[in-house]
Amino acid sequence: MSETTRIASAKPESEKPKSSWINLLVDYGPLLVFFLAYRHFKPEGAEPGLAEVVAVTKGTATFMVATVIALIVSKWRLGKVSPMLWLSTVLILGFGTLTVLLGDPFWIQVKPTAIYLLFAVVLFAGLARGKPMLRVLLEAAFEGLDDAGWIKLSRNWAFFFLFLAALNEVLRHFFNVANGNFEVWLQAKLWGVTTLSFLFTFSQIPMLMRHGLAAGAEPEVERNPPHD
């Protein structure tokens, strides 16, 4: 994610390097680590329910560690931690702690719903005040994008976050530890929801271009969608 609307007062040589690979690693690395840890800790041939609870609990602990590491990497390599990443990390640690302490995968599955709803509420609250809160959450400034563009982008993401919250609840209901299909939910979260987010982000580019987005800023919009 790009630098915020802060006007850079530091000297060019002191600025942190921008890297889309670092952004992607910070944004989606912990979720991939969760998936791999879950697959590693789930023993073959064990009773599905118990095996999945154990694997989810251990995987969640690994997920929490990876999330903190991603936060540190973001600060170290990018020179900043966006408010969206802060909020996501706090909720991941909170729901993750409940999952580990209670041994109940419900909490880690409902975590995305809570994050999506929180972001939607923040964005809708900003829209009610005429403020594009997405710019604040992302700490991003897309060169040339006017205020109307930011308002529309915040509105569109607010509705998309509501859609993702509803989608997660449907997936959580049908694919969970109780019916032995937690891995289906996790794969849908890692591959399906991530793909949907990138496609939705890409679909916003024409609108942003109409509102003055500079051509050079387009890749940043495409590669760095908001996430949970």
C-alpha atoms as a PDB file:
ATOM      1  CA  MET A   1       0.000   0.000   0.000  1.00  0.00           C
ATOM      2  CA  SER A   2       1.298   3.454  -0.915  1.00  0.00           C
ATOM      3  CA  GLU A   3       2.331   6.237   1.409  1.00  0.00           C
ATOM      4  CA  THR A   4      -0.486   8.241   2.957  1.00  0.00           C
ATOM      5  CA  THR A   5      -1.476  11.768   2.096  1.00  0.00           C
ATOM      6  CA  ARG A   6       1.295  13.026   4.315  1.00  0.00           C
ATOM      7  CA  ILE A   7       3.526  15.365   2.311  1.00  0.00           C
ATOM      8  CA  ALA A   8       6.964  13.841   2.455  1.00  0.00           C
ATOM      9  CA  SER A   9       9.229  16.131   4.377  1.00  0.00           C
ATOM     10  CA  ALA A  10      12.067  13.650   4.698  1.00  0.00           C
ATOM     11  CA  LYS A  11      14.898  13.598   2.201  1.00  0.00           C
ATOM     12  CA  PRO A  12      14.446  11.215  -0.727  1.00  0.00           C
ATOM     13  CA  GLU A  13      17.365   9.044   0.340  1.00  0.00           C
ATOM     14  CA  SER A  14      15.760   8.450   3.744  1.00  0.00           C
ATOM     15  CA  GLU A  15      12.483   7.146   2.304  1.00  0.00           C
ATOM     16  CA  LYS A  16      11.713   3.471   2.704  1.00  0.00           C
ATOM     17  CA  PRO A  17      11.742   1.495  -0.545  1.00  0.00           C
ATOM     18  CA  LYS A  18       8.386   0.520  -2.010  1.00  0.00           C
ATOM     19  CA  SER A  19       7.898  -3.123  -2.906  1.00  0.00           C
ATOM     20  CA  SER A  20       4.728  -4.801  -4.082  1.00  0.00           C
ATOM     21  CA  TRP A  21       6.237  -8.141  -3.065  1.00  0.00           C
ATOM     22  CA  ILE A  22       6.699  -6.932   0.492  1.00  0.00           C
ATOM     23  CA  ASN A  23       3.121  -5.636   0.493  1.00  0.00           C
ATOM     24  CA  LEU A  24       1.765  -8.988  -0.662  1.00  0.00           C
ATOM     25  CA  LEU A  25       3.913 -10.847   1.858  1.00  0.00           C
ATOM     26  CA  VAL A  26       2.674  -8.661   4.711  1.00  0.00           C
ATOM     27  CA  ASP A  27      -0.953  -8.807   3.589  1.00  0.00           C
ATOM     28  CA  TYR A  28      -1.360 -12.477   2.747  1.00  0.00           C
ATOM     29  CA  GLY A  29       1.682 -14.251   4.175  1.00  0.00           C
ATOM     30  CA  PRO A  30       0.170 -14.921   7.622  1.00  0.00           C
ATOM     31  CA  LEU A  31      -2.964 -16.482   6.102  1.00  0.00           C
ATOM     32  CA  LEU A  32      -0.825 -18.781   3.947  1.00  0.00           C
ATOM     33  CA  VAL A  33       1.204 -19.708   7.036  1.00  0.00           C
ATOM     34  CA  PHE A  34      -2.060 -20.543   8.838  1.00  0.00           C
ATOM     35  CA  PHE A  35      -3.121 -22.836   6.007  1.00  0.00           C
ATOM     36  CA  LEU A  36       0.241 -24.624   5.850  1.00  0.00           C
ATOM     37  CA  ALA A  37       0.430 -24.995   9.640  1.00  0.00           C
ATOM     38  CA  TYR A  38      -3.095 -26.418   9.756  1.00  0.00           C
ATOM     39  CA  ARG A  39      -2.236 -28.974   7.076  1.00  0.00           C
ATOM     40  CA  HIS A  40       0.964 -29.869   8.929  1.00  0.00           C
ATOM     41  CA  PHE A  41      -0.660 -30.374  12.321  1.00  0.00           C
ATOM     42  CA  LYS A  42      -3.702 -32.280  11.082  1.00  0.00           C
ATOM     43  CA  PRO A  43      -2.732 -35.963  11.420  1.00  0.00           C
ATOM     44  CA  GLU A  44      -3.874 -38.412   8.785  1.00  0.00           C
ATOM     45  CA  GLY A  45      -6.263 -41.134   9.898  1.00  0.00           C
ATOM     46  CA  ALA A  46      -7.284 -39.433  13.166  1.00  0.00           C
ATOM     47  CA  GLU A  47     -10.877 -38.807  14.201  1.00  0.00           C
ATOM     48  CA  PRO A  48     -11.884 -35.766  12.086  1.00  0.00           C
ATOM     49  CA  GLY A  49     -13.438 -33.568  14.772  1.00  0.00           C
ATOM     50  CA  LEU A  50     -10.681 -33.893  17.381  1.00  0.00           C
ATOM     51  CA  ALA A  51      -7.902 -33.794  14.782  1.00  0.00           C
ATOM     52  CA  GLU A  52      -9.262 -30.593  13.265  1.00  0.00           C
ATOM     53  CA  VAL A  53      -9.663 -28.880  16.651  1.00  0.00           C
ATOM     54  CA  VAL A  54      -6.033 -29.640  17.503  1.00  0.00           C
ATOM     55  CA  ALA A  55      -4.814 -28.576  14.058  1.00  0.00           C
ATOM     56  CA  VAL A  56      -6.870 -25.376  14.092  1.00  0.00           C
ATOM     57  CA  THR A  57      -5.647 -24.454  17.579  1.00  0.00           C
ATOM     58  CA  LYS A  58      -1.983 -24.977  16.693  1.00  0.00           C
ATOM     59  CA  GLY A  59      -2.438 -23.359  13.307  1.00  0.00           C
ATOM     60  CA  THR A  60      -4.076 -20.345  14.941  1.00  0.00           C
ATOM     61  CA  ALA A  61      -1.145 -19.903  17.322  1.00  0.00           C
ATOM     62  CA  THR A  62       1.184 -19.975  14.309  1.00  0.00           C
ATOM     63  CA  PHE A  63      -1.087 -17.518  12.499  1.00  0.00           C
ATOM     64  CA  MET A  64      -0.853 -15.079  15.410  1.00  0.00           C
ATOM     65  CA  VAL A  65       2.948 -15.241  15.440  1.00  0.00           C
ATOM     66  CA  ALA A  66       3.080 -14.759  11.655  1.00  0.00           C
ATOM     67  CA  THR A  67       0.749 -11.756  11.924  1.00  0.00           C
ATOM     68  CA  VAL A  68       3.001 -10.045  14.469  1.00  0.00           C
ATOM     69  CA  ILE A  69       6.038 -10.758  12.282  1.00  0.00           C
ATOM     70  CA  ALA A  70       4.201  -9.238   9.292  1.00  0.00           C
ATOM     71  CA  LEU A  71       3.517  -6.127  11.369  1.00  0.00           C
ATOM     72  CA  ILE A  72       7.217  -5.824  12.203  1.00  0.00           C
ATOM     73  CA  VAL A  73       8.228  -6.399   8.563  1.00  0.00           C
ATOM     74  CA  SER A  74       5.783  -3.713   7.425  1.00  0.00           C
ATOM     75  CA  LYS A  75       7.338  -1.192   9.788  1.00  0.00           C
ATOM     76  CA  TRP A  76      10.895  -2.255   8.974  1.00  0.00           C
ATOM     77  CA  ARG A  77      10.696  -2.532   5.186  1.00  0.00           C
ATOM     78  CA  LEU A  78       7.886  -0.105   4.322  1.00  0.00           C
ATOM     79  CA  GLY A  79       8.439   2.385   7.116  1.00  0.00           C
ATOM     80  CA  LYS A  80       4.800   2.337   8.225  1.00  0.00           C
ATOM     81  CA  VAL A  81       1.917   0.258   9.517  1.00  0.00           C
ATOM     82  CA  SER A  82      -1.441   1.250   8.061  1.00  0.00           C
ATOM     83  CA  PRO A  83      -4.461   1.649  10.387  1.00  0.00           C
ATOM     84  CA  MET A  84      -6.137  -1.201   8.483  1.00  0.00           C
ATOM     85  CA  LEU A  85      -3.240  -3.532   9.318  1.00  0.00           C
ATOM     86  CA  TRP A  86      -3.279  -2.399  12.958  1.00  0.00           C
ATOM     87  CA  LEU A  87      -7.005  -3.110  13.278  1.00  0.00           C
ATOM     88  CA  SER A  88      -6.687  -6.476  11.527  1.00  0.00           C
ATOM     89  CA  THR A  89      -3.798  -7.494  13.772  1.00  0.00           C
ATOM     90  CA  VAL A  90      -5.633  -6.559  16.966  1.00  0.00           C
ATOM     91  CA  LEU A  91      -8.689  -8.597  15.960  1.00  0.00           C
ATOM     92  CA  ILE A  92      -6.593 -11.540  14.777  1.00  0.00           C
ATOM     93  CA  LEU A  93      -4.770 -11.632  18.119  1.00  0.00           C
ATOM     94  CA  GLY A  94      -8.024 -11.235  20.046  1.00  0.00           C
ATOM     95  CA  PHE A  95     -10.020 -13.919  18.244  1.00  0.00           C
ATOM     96  CA  GLY A  96      -6.924 -16.087  17.948  1.00  0.00           C
ATOM     97  CA  THR A  97      -6.394 -15.977  21.706  1.00  0.00           C
ATOM     98  CA  LEU A  98     -10.002 -17.056  22.272  1.00  0.00           C
ATOM     99  CA  THR A  99      -9.520 -19.927  19.821  1.00  0.00           C
ATOM    100  CA  VAL A 100      -6.352 -21.153  21.525  1.00  0.00           C
ATOM    101  CA  LEU A 101      -7.540 -20.738  25.113  1.00  0.00           C
ATOM    102  CA  LEU A 102     -11.011 -22.191  24.571  1.00  0.00           C
ATOM    103  CA  GLY A 103     -10.019 -24.753  21.955  1.00  0.00           C
ATOM    104  CA  ASP A 104     -12.966 -23.583  19.857  1.00  0.00           C
ATOM    105  CA  PRO A 105     -12.395 -22.968  16.114  1.00  0.00           C
ATOM    106  CA  PHE A 106     -15.614 -20.914  16.004  1.00  0.00           C
ATOM    107  CA  TRP A 107     -13.685 -17.805  17.013  1.00  0.00           C
ATOM    108  CA  ILE A 108     -11.074 -17.927  14.268  1.00  0.00           C
ATOM    109  CA  GLN A 109     -13.792 -18.613  11.690  1.00  0.00           C
ATOM    110  CA  VAL A 110     -15.936 -15.694  12.810  1.00  0.00           C
ATOM    111  CA  LYS A 111     -12.924 -13.367  12.900  1.00  0.00           C
ATOM    112  CA  PRO A 112     -13.144 -12.376   9.204  1.00  0.00           C
ATOM    113  CA  THR A 113     -16.822 -11.498   9.641  1.00  0.00           C
ATOM    114  CA  ALA A 114     -15.953  -9.204  12.547  1.00  0.00           C
ATOM    115  CA  ILE A 115     -13.159  -7.529  10.564  1.00  0.00           C
ATOM    116  CA  TYR A 116     -15.311  -7.020   7.465  1.00  0.00           C
ATOM    117  CA  LEU A 117     -18.164  -5.576   9.503  1.00  0.00           C
ATOM    118  CA  LEU A 118     -15.815  -3.274  11.407  1.00  0.00           C
ATOM    119  CA  PHE A 119     -14.336  -1.905   8.194  1.00  0.00           C
ATOM    120  CA  ALA A 120     -17.814  -1.497   6.679  1.00  0.00           C
ATOM    121  CA  VAL A 121     -19.047   0.424   9.735  1.00  0.00           C
ATOM    122  CA  VAL A 122     -15.990   2.696   9.689  1.00  0.00           C
ATOM    123  CA  LEU A 123     -16.436   3.409   5.976  1.00  0.00           C
ATOM    124  CA  PHE A 124     -20.189   4.018   6.221  1.00  0.00           C
ATOM    125  CA  ALA A 125     -19.677   6.274   9.248  1.00  0.00           C
ATOM    126  CA  GLY A 126     -17.148   8.287   7.266  1.00  0.00           C
ATOM    127  CA  LEU A 127     -19.498   8.528   4.292  1.00  0.00           C
ATOM    128  CA  ALA A 128     -22.254   9.841   6.567  1.00  0.00           C
ATOM    129  CA  ARG A 129     -19.845  12.662   7.507  1.00  0.00           C
ATOM    130  CA  GLY A 130     -18.695  13.158   3.930  1.00  0.00           C
ATOM    131  CA  LYS A 131     -15.230  11.738   4.644  1.00  0.00           C
ATOM    132  CA  PRO A 132     -13.548   8.972   2.579  1.00  0.00           C
ATOM    133  CA  MET A 133     -12.256   6.845   5.446  1.00  0.00           C
ATOM    134  CA  LEU A 134     -10.652   4.333   3.087  1.00  0.00           C
ATOM    135  CA  ARG A 135      -7.888   6.869   2.484  1.00  0.00           C
ATOM    136  CA  VAL A 136      -7.251   6.925   6.238  1.00  0.00           C
ATOM    137  CA  LEU A 137      -7.426   3.139   6.673  1.00  0.00           C
ATOM    138  CA  LEU A 138      -5.034   2.471   3.825  1.00  0.00           C
ATOM    139  CA  GLU A 139      -2.791   5.462   4.466  1.00  0.00           C
ATOM    140  CA  ALA A 140      -2.755   5.663   0.672  1.00  0.00           C
ATOM    141  CA  ALA A 141      -2.704   8.561  -1.729  1.00  0.00           C
ATOM    142  CA  PHE A 142      -3.402   7.674  -5.343  1.00  0.00           C
ATOM    143  CA  GLU A 143      -1.891  10.446  -7.414  1.00  0.00           C
ATOM    144  CA  GLY A 144      -4.494  12.681  -9.037  1.00  0.00           C
ATOM    145  CA  LEU A 145      -7.540  10.981  -7.491  1.00  0.00           C
ATOM    146  CA  ASP A 146     -10.111  13.601  -6.514  1.00  0.00           C
ATOM    147  CA  ASP A 147     -12.312  13.627  -3.416  1.00  0.00           C
ATOM    148  CA  ALA A 148     -15.327  12.326  -5.323  1.00  0.00           C
ATOM    149  CA  GLY A 149     -13.250   9.338  -6.417  1.00  0.00           C
ATOM    150  CA  TRP A 150     -12.236   8.592  -2.834  1.00  0.00           C
ATOM    151  CA  ILE A 151     -15.866   8.874  -1.696  1.00  0.00           C
ATOM    152  CA  LYS A 152     -17.036   6.436  -4.373  1.00  0.00           C
ATOM    153  CA  LEU A 153     -14.176   4.042  -3.618  1.00  0.00           C
ATOM    154  CA  SER A 154     -14.998   4.105   0.104  1.00  0.00           C
ATOM    155  CA  ARG A 155     -18.686   3.515  -0.651  1.00  0.00           C
ATOM    156  CA  ASN A 156     -17.974   0.604  -2.978  1.00  0.00           C
ATOM    157  CA  TRP A 157     -15.599  -1.061  -0.533  1.00  0.00           C
ATOM    158  CA  ALA A 158     -18.096  -0.584   2.307  1.00  0.00           C
ATOM    159  CA  PHE A 159     -20.716  -2.564   0.388  1.00  0.00           C
ATOM    160  CA  PHE A 160     -18.129  -5.127  -0.694  1.00  0.00           C
ATOM    161  CA  PHE A 161     -17.080  -5.645   2.917  1.00  0.00           C
ATOM    162  CA  LEU A 162     -20.735  -6.323   3.799  1.00  0.00           C
ATOM    163  CA  PHE A 163     -20.847  -8.876   0.988  1.00  0.00           C
ATOM    164  CA  LEU A 164     -17.646 -10.545   2.267  1.00  0.00           C
ATOM    165  CA  ALA A 165     -19.064 -10.677   5.807  1.00  0.00           C
ATOM    166  CA  ALA A 166     -22.219 -12.405   4.551  1.00  0.00           C
ATOM    167  CA  LEU A 167     -20.159 -14.749   2.372  1.00  0.00           C
ATOM    168  CA  ASN A 168     -17.947 -15.741   5.300  1.00  0.00           C
ATOM    169  CA  GLU A 169     -20.993 -16.515   7.431  1.00  0.00           C
ATOM    170  CA  VAL A 170     -22.418 -18.762   4.711  1.00  0.00           C
ATOM    171  CA  LEU A 171     -19.087 -20.551   4.286  1.00  0.00           C
ATOM    172  CA  ARG A 172     -18.640 -20.848   8.055  1.00  0.00           C
ATOM    173  CA  HIS A 173     -22.104 -22.357   8.424  1.00  0.00           C
ATOM    174  CA  PHE A 174     -21.571 -25.065   5.823  1.00  0.00           C
ATOM    175  CA  PHE A 175     -17.852 -25.738   6.290  1.00  0.00           C
ATOM    176  CA  ASN A 176     -16.601 -26.062   9.856  1.00  0.00           C
ATOM    177  CA  VAL A 177     -14.944 -28.406  12.311  1.00  0.00           C
ATOM    178  CA  ALA A 178     -18.271 -29.906  13.383  1.00  0.00           C
ATOM    179  CA  ASN A 179     -18.864 -31.411   9.945  1.00  0.00           C
ATOM    180  CA  GLY A 180     -15.183 -32.075   9.258  1.00  0.00           C
ATOM    181  CA  ASN A 181     -14.895 -29.460   6.530  1.00  0.00           C
ATOM    182  CA  PHE A 182     -12.848 -26.722   8.176  1.00  0.00           C
ATOM    183  CA  GLU A 183     -10.191 -27.065   5.498  1.00  0.00           C
ATOM    184  CA  VAL A 184     -12.767 -26.261   2.810  1.00  0.00           C
ATOM    185  CA  TRP A 185     -13.542 -22.981   4.594  1.00  0.00           C
ATOM    186  CA  LEU A 186      -9.839 -22.214   4.964  1.00  0.00           C
ATOM    187  CA  GLN A 187      -9.106 -22.874   1.300  1.00  0.00           C
ATOM    188  CA  ALA A 188     -12.093 -20.746   0.256  1.00  0.00           C
ATOM    189  CA  LYS A 189     -10.773 -17.971   2.506  1.00  0.00           C
ATOM    190  CA  LEU A 190      -7.214 -18.192   1.218  1.00  0.00           C
ATOM    191  CA  TRP A 191      -7.849 -18.643  -2.494  1.00  0.00           C
ATOM    192  CA  GLY A 192     -11.480 -17.694  -3.153  1.00  0.00           C
ATOM    193  CA  VAL A 193     -11.934 -14.548  -1.065  1.00  0.00           C
ATOM    194  CA  THR A 194      -8.462 -13.290  -1.943  1.00  0.00           C
ATOM    195  CA  THR A 195      -9.211 -13.717  -5.648  1.00  0.00           C
ATOM    196  CA  LEU A 196     -12.570 -11.969  -5.262  1.00  0.00           C
ATOM    197  CA  SER A 197     -10.863  -9.050  -3.524  1.00  0.00           C
ATOM    198  CA  PHE A 198      -8.322  -8.637  -6.314  1.00  0.00           C
ATOM    199  CA  LEU A 199     -11.024  -8.860  -8.986  1.00  0.00           C
ATOM    200  CA  PHE A 200     -13.136  -6.296  -7.172  1.00  0.00           C
ATOM    201  CA  THR A 201     -10.131  -4.009  -6.814  1.00  0.00           C
ATOM    202  CA  PHE A 202      -9.368  -4.320 -10.514  1.00  0.00           C
ATOM    203  CA  SER A 203     -13.017  -3.501 -11.348  1.00  0.00           C
ATOM    204  CA  GLN A 204     -12.646  -0.157  -9.575  1.00  0.00           C
ATOM    205  CA  ILE A 205      -9.808   1.092 -11.786  1.00  0.00           C
ATOM    206  CA  PRO A 206     -12.001   2.504 -14.613  1.00  0.00           C
ATOM    207  CA  MET A 207     -13.967   4.570 -12.089  1.00  0.00           C
ATOM    208  CA  LEU A 208     -10.782   5.789 -10.451  1.00  0.00           C
ATOM    209  CA  MET A 209      -9.302   6.729 -13.794  1.00  0.00           C
ATOM    210  CA  ARG A 210     -12.400   8.814 -14.536  1.00  0.00           C
ATOM    211  CA  HIS A 211     -11.768  10.665 -11.283  1.00  0.00           C
ATOM    212  CA  GLY A 212      -8.215  11.632 -12.111  1.00  0.00           C
ATOM    213  CA  LEU A 213      -6.148   8.645 -10.972  1.00  0.00           C
ATOM    214  CA  ALA A 214      -2.730   8.930 -12.575  1.00  0.00           C
ATOM    215  CA  ALA A 215      -1.728   6.034 -14.812  1.00  0.00           C
ATOM    216  CA  GLY A 216       1.364   5.393 -12.713  1.00  0.00           C
ATOM    217  CA  ALA A 217      -0.770   4.812  -9.614  1.00  0.00           C
ATOM    218  CA  GLU A 218      -2.873   2.101 -11.238  1.00  0.00           C
ATOM    219  CA  PRO A 219      -0.641  -0.851 -10.308  1.00  0.00           C
ATOM    220  CA  GLU A 220      -0.759   0.155  -6.635  1.00  0.00           C
ATOM    221  CA  VAL A 221      -4.563  -0.001  -6.695  1.00  0.00           C
ATOM    222  CA  GLU A 222      -4.535  -3.327  -8.463  1.00  0.00           C
ATOM    223  CA  ARG A 223      -1.920  -5.065  -6.342  1.00  0.00           C
ATOM    224  CA  ASN A 224      -2.883  -3.875  -2.879  1.00  0.00           C
ATOM    225  CA  PRO A 225      -6.575  -4.305  -2.113  1.00  0.00           C
ATOM    226  CA  PRO A 226      -7.874  -3.877   1.431  1.00  0.00           C
ATOM    227  CA  HIS A 227      -7.977  -7.197   3.249  1.00  0.00           C
ATOM    228  CA  ASP A 228      -8.798  -8.805   6.511  1.00  0.00           C
END
